């Protein structure tokens, strides 16, 4: 059995990434139906990313390395 996921209906990028990563991890075959991103959508994604950084919602490379050592 193979799933077909209309990725464009999932509006939040984090949810898209989580879903696809989970399916891959579980070994579930899937196909995605995805349209090209418009320039306006791309610019919105960039602005959203900049806003996250301004709010301090990011992890530094140093912090990431420290976190990896805990694994």
N, C-alpha and C. Protein backbone atom coordinates (compact mmCIF):
# COMPACT_ATOMS: atom_id res chain seq x y z
N UNK A 1 0.85 -1.18 0.00
CA UNK A 1 0.00 0.00 0.00
C UNK A 1 0.89 1.24 0.00
N UNK A 2 0.48 2.23 -0.73
CA UNK A 2 1.24 3.47 -0.79
C UNK A 2 0.31 4.64 -0.52
N UNK A 3 0.77 5.56 0.31
CA UNK A 3 0.00 6.77 0.61
C UNK A 3 0.32 7.86 -0.40
N UNK A 4 -0.69 8.63 -0.72
CA UNK A 4 -0.47 9.84 -1.51
C UNK A 4 -0.88 11.00 -0.63
N UNK A 5 0.05 11.90 -0.38
CA UNK A 5 -0.18 13.01 0.54
C UNK A 5 -0.21 14.30 -0.26
N UNK A 6 -1.30 15.05 -0.11
CA UNK A 6 -1.38 16.37 -0.75
C UNK A 6 -0.73 17.36 0.22
N UNK A 7 0.56 17.52 0.06
CA UNK A 7 1.37 18.31 0.99
C UNK A 7 0.95 19.77 1.00
N UNK A 8 0.33 20.24 -0.07
CA UNK A 8 -0.08 21.65 -0.13
C UNK A 8 -1.23 21.97 0.82
N UNK A 9 -1.95 20.95 1.28
CA UNK A 9 -3.04 21.20 2.23
C UNK A 9 -2.54 21.35 3.66
N UNK A 10 -1.27 21.05 3.89
CA UNK A 10 -0.67 21.24 5.21
C UNK A 10 0.04 22.58 5.16
N UNK A 11 -0.51 23.56 5.85
CA UNK A 11 -0.01 24.93 5.73
C UNK A 11 1.25 25.21 6.55
N UNK A 12 1.43 24.53 7.68
CA UNK A 12 2.58 24.81 8.53
C UNK A 12 3.78 23.96 8.11
N UNK A 13 4.90 24.62 7.82
CA UNK A 13 6.10 23.92 7.35
C UNK A 13 6.60 22.90 8.36
N UNK A 14 6.50 23.22 9.65
CA UNK A 14 6.97 22.29 10.68
C UNK A 14 6.15 21.00 10.67
N UNK A 15 4.84 21.13 10.44
CA UNK A 15 3.98 19.96 10.40
C UNK A 15 4.30 19.10 9.17
N UNK A 16 4.56 19.75 8.04
CA UNK A 16 4.93 19.01 6.84
C UNK A 16 6.20 18.20 7.09
N UNK A 17 7.19 18.88 7.63
CA UNK A 17 8.47 18.24 7.87
C UNK A 17 8.32 17.08 8.85
N UNK A 18 7.54 17.29 9.92
CA UNK A 18 7.34 16.25 10.92
C UNK A 18 6.65 15.04 10.30
N UNK A 19 5.60 15.26 9.53
CA UNK A 19 4.86 14.17 8.92
C UNK A 19 5.76 13.35 7.99
N UNK A 20 6.48 14.02 7.11
CA UNK A 20 7.34 13.31 6.17
C UNK A 20 8.47 12.57 6.87
N UNK A 21 9.05 13.19 7.88
CA UNK A 21 10.12 12.53 8.64
C UNK A 21 9.60 11.29 9.37
N UNK A 22 8.42 11.40 9.95
CA UNK A 22 7.82 10.28 10.67
C UNK A 22 7.53 9.12 9.73
N UNK A 23 6.96 9.42 8.57
CA UNK A 23 6.67 8.36 7.61
C UNK A 23 7.94 7.66 7.14
N UNK A 24 8.99 8.44 6.88
CA UNK A 24 10.27 7.86 6.46
C UNK A 24 10.84 6.98 7.56
N UNK A 25 10.80 7.47 8.80
CA UNK A 25 11.33 6.73 9.93
C UNK A 25 10.60 5.40 10.11
N UNK A 26 9.29 5.40 9.88
CA UNK A 26 8.49 4.19 10.05
C UNK A 26 8.55 3.27 8.82
N UNK A 27 9.22 3.71 7.77
CA UNK A 27 9.36 2.89 6.57
C UNK A 27 8.09 2.80 5.75
N UNK A 28 7.23 3.81 5.87
CA UNK A 28 5.97 3.83 5.13
C UNK A 28 6.20 4.52 3.79
N UNK A 29 5.88 3.82 2.71
CA UNK A 29 6.03 4.40 1.38
C UNK A 29 4.97 5.48 1.14
N UNK A 30 5.36 6.54 0.52
CA UNK A 30 4.41 7.61 0.23
C UNK A 30 4.88 8.40 -0.98
N UNK A 31 3.94 9.09 -1.58
CA UNK A 31 4.23 10.04 -2.65
C UNK A 31 3.64 11.37 -2.22
N UNK A 32 4.26 12.43 -2.64
CA UNK A 32 3.70 13.74 -2.34
C UNK A 32 3.24 14.40 -3.63
N UNK A 33 2.18 15.15 -3.50
CA UNK A 33 1.69 15.96 -4.60
C UNK A 33 1.97 17.39 -4.17
N UNK A 34 2.85 18.06 -4.86
CA UNK A 34 3.28 19.37 -4.41
C UNK A 34 3.42 20.31 -5.59
N UNK A 35 2.90 21.51 -5.40
CA UNK A 35 3.03 22.55 -6.41
C UNK A 35 4.28 23.37 -6.14
N UNK A 36 4.77 24.02 -7.18
CA UNK A 36 5.90 24.93 -6.99
C UNK A 36 5.47 26.09 -6.11
N UNK A 37 6.38 26.56 -5.31
CA UNK A 37 6.12 27.69 -4.43
C UNK A 37 6.22 28.99 -5.23
N UNK A 38 5.27 29.88 -4.99
CA UNK A 38 5.33 31.17 -5.67
C UNK A 38 6.36 32.06 -4.99
N UNK A 39 6.74 33.12 -5.66
CA UNK A 39 7.69 34.08 -5.08
C UNK A 39 7.10 34.70 -3.83
N UNK A 40 5.81 35.01 -3.87
CA UNK A 40 5.14 35.60 -2.69
C UNK A 40 5.18 34.63 -1.51
N UNK A 41 4.92 33.34 -1.76
CA UNK A 41 4.98 32.35 -0.68
C UNK A 41 6.40 32.20 -0.15
N UNK A 42 7.36 32.21 -1.04
CA UNK A 42 8.76 32.12 -0.64
C UNK A 42 9.13 33.30 0.26
N UNK A 43 8.73 34.50 -0.15
CA UNK A 43 9.02 35.70 0.65
C UNK A 43 8.33 35.63 2.01
N UNK A 44 7.11 35.08 2.05
CA UNK A 44 6.42 34.92 3.33
C UNK A 44 7.19 33.96 4.24
N UNK A 45 7.69 32.87 3.67
CA UNK A 45 8.48 31.92 4.45
C UNK A 45 9.74 32.58 5.01
N UNK A 46 10.39 33.39 4.19
CA UNK A 46 11.59 34.10 4.66
C UNK A 46 11.25 35.06 5.80
N UNK A 47 10.15 35.80 5.66
CA UNK A 47 9.72 36.73 6.70
C UNK A 47 9.36 35.98 7.99
N UNK A 48 8.70 34.84 7.85
CA UNK A 48 8.35 34.04 9.03
C UNK A 48 9.61 33.55 9.73
N UNK A 49 10.61 33.13 8.95
CA UNK A 49 11.88 32.70 9.52
C UNK A 49 12.60 33.83 10.24
N UNK A 50 12.60 35.00 9.63
CA UNK A 50 13.22 36.16 10.26
C UNK A 50 12.52 36.50 11.58
N UNK A 51 11.20 36.39 11.59
CA UNK A 51 10.43 36.68 12.81
C UNK A 51 10.78 35.69 13.91
N UNK A 52 10.93 34.41 13.57
CA UNK A 52 11.32 33.41 14.56
C UNK A 52 12.67 33.75 15.17
N UNK A 53 13.60 34.14 14.33
CA UNK A 53 14.94 34.50 14.82
C UNK A 53 14.86 35.71 15.73
N UNK A 54 14.08 36.72 15.34
CA UNK A 54 13.94 37.92 16.17
C UNK A 54 13.31 37.61 17.53
N UNK A 55 12.43 36.59 17.58
CA UNK A 55 11.81 36.18 18.85
C UNK A 55 12.73 35.27 19.66
N UNK A 56 13.87 34.93 19.09
CA UNK A 56 14.81 34.07 19.78
C UNK A 56 14.50 32.59 19.65
N UNK A 57 13.67 32.22 18.69
CA UNK A 57 13.27 30.83 18.48
C UNK A 57 14.24 30.14 17.52
N UNK A 58 15.43 29.89 18.00
CA UNK A 58 16.44 29.22 17.20
C UNK A 58 17.43 28.54 18.13
N UNK A 59 18.28 27.69 17.58
CA UNK A 59 19.32 27.03 18.36
C UNK A 59 20.66 27.31 17.66
N UNK A 60 21.64 27.64 18.45
CA UNK A 60 22.96 27.93 17.88
C UNK A 60 23.70 26.62 17.60
N UNK A 61 24.71 26.68 16.78
CA UNK A 61 25.51 25.49 16.47
C UNK A 61 26.16 24.95 17.75
N UNK A 62 26.61 25.83 18.62
CA UNK A 62 27.23 25.41 19.87
C UNK A 62 26.23 24.66 20.74
N UNK A 63 25.02 25.20 20.86
CA UNK A 63 23.98 24.53 21.65
C UNK A 63 23.60 23.19 21.04
N UNK A 64 23.55 23.14 19.73
CA UNK A 64 23.21 21.90 19.03
C UNK A 64 24.27 20.83 19.30
N UNK A 65 25.53 21.20 19.23
CA UNK A 65 26.62 20.27 19.50
C UNK A 65 26.52 19.74 20.93
N UNK A 66 26.21 20.61 21.88
CA UNK A 66 26.06 20.20 23.28
C UNK A 66 24.89 19.22 23.42
N UNK A 67 23.80 19.48 22.71
CA UNK A 67 22.64 18.61 22.76
C UNK A 67 22.96 17.23 22.17
N UNK A 68 23.70 17.21 21.08
CA UNK A 68 24.06 15.95 20.43
C UNK A 68 24.89 15.07 21.36
N UNK A 69 25.77 15.69 22.14
CA UNK A 69 26.61 14.92 23.06
C UNK A 69 25.78 14.20 24.11
N UNK A 70 24.57 14.69 24.39
CA UNK A 70 23.68 14.05 25.37
C UNK A 70 23.04 12.78 24.82
N UNK A 71 23.03 12.62 23.50
CA UNK A 71 22.39 11.46 22.89
C UNK A 71 23.22 10.27 23.19
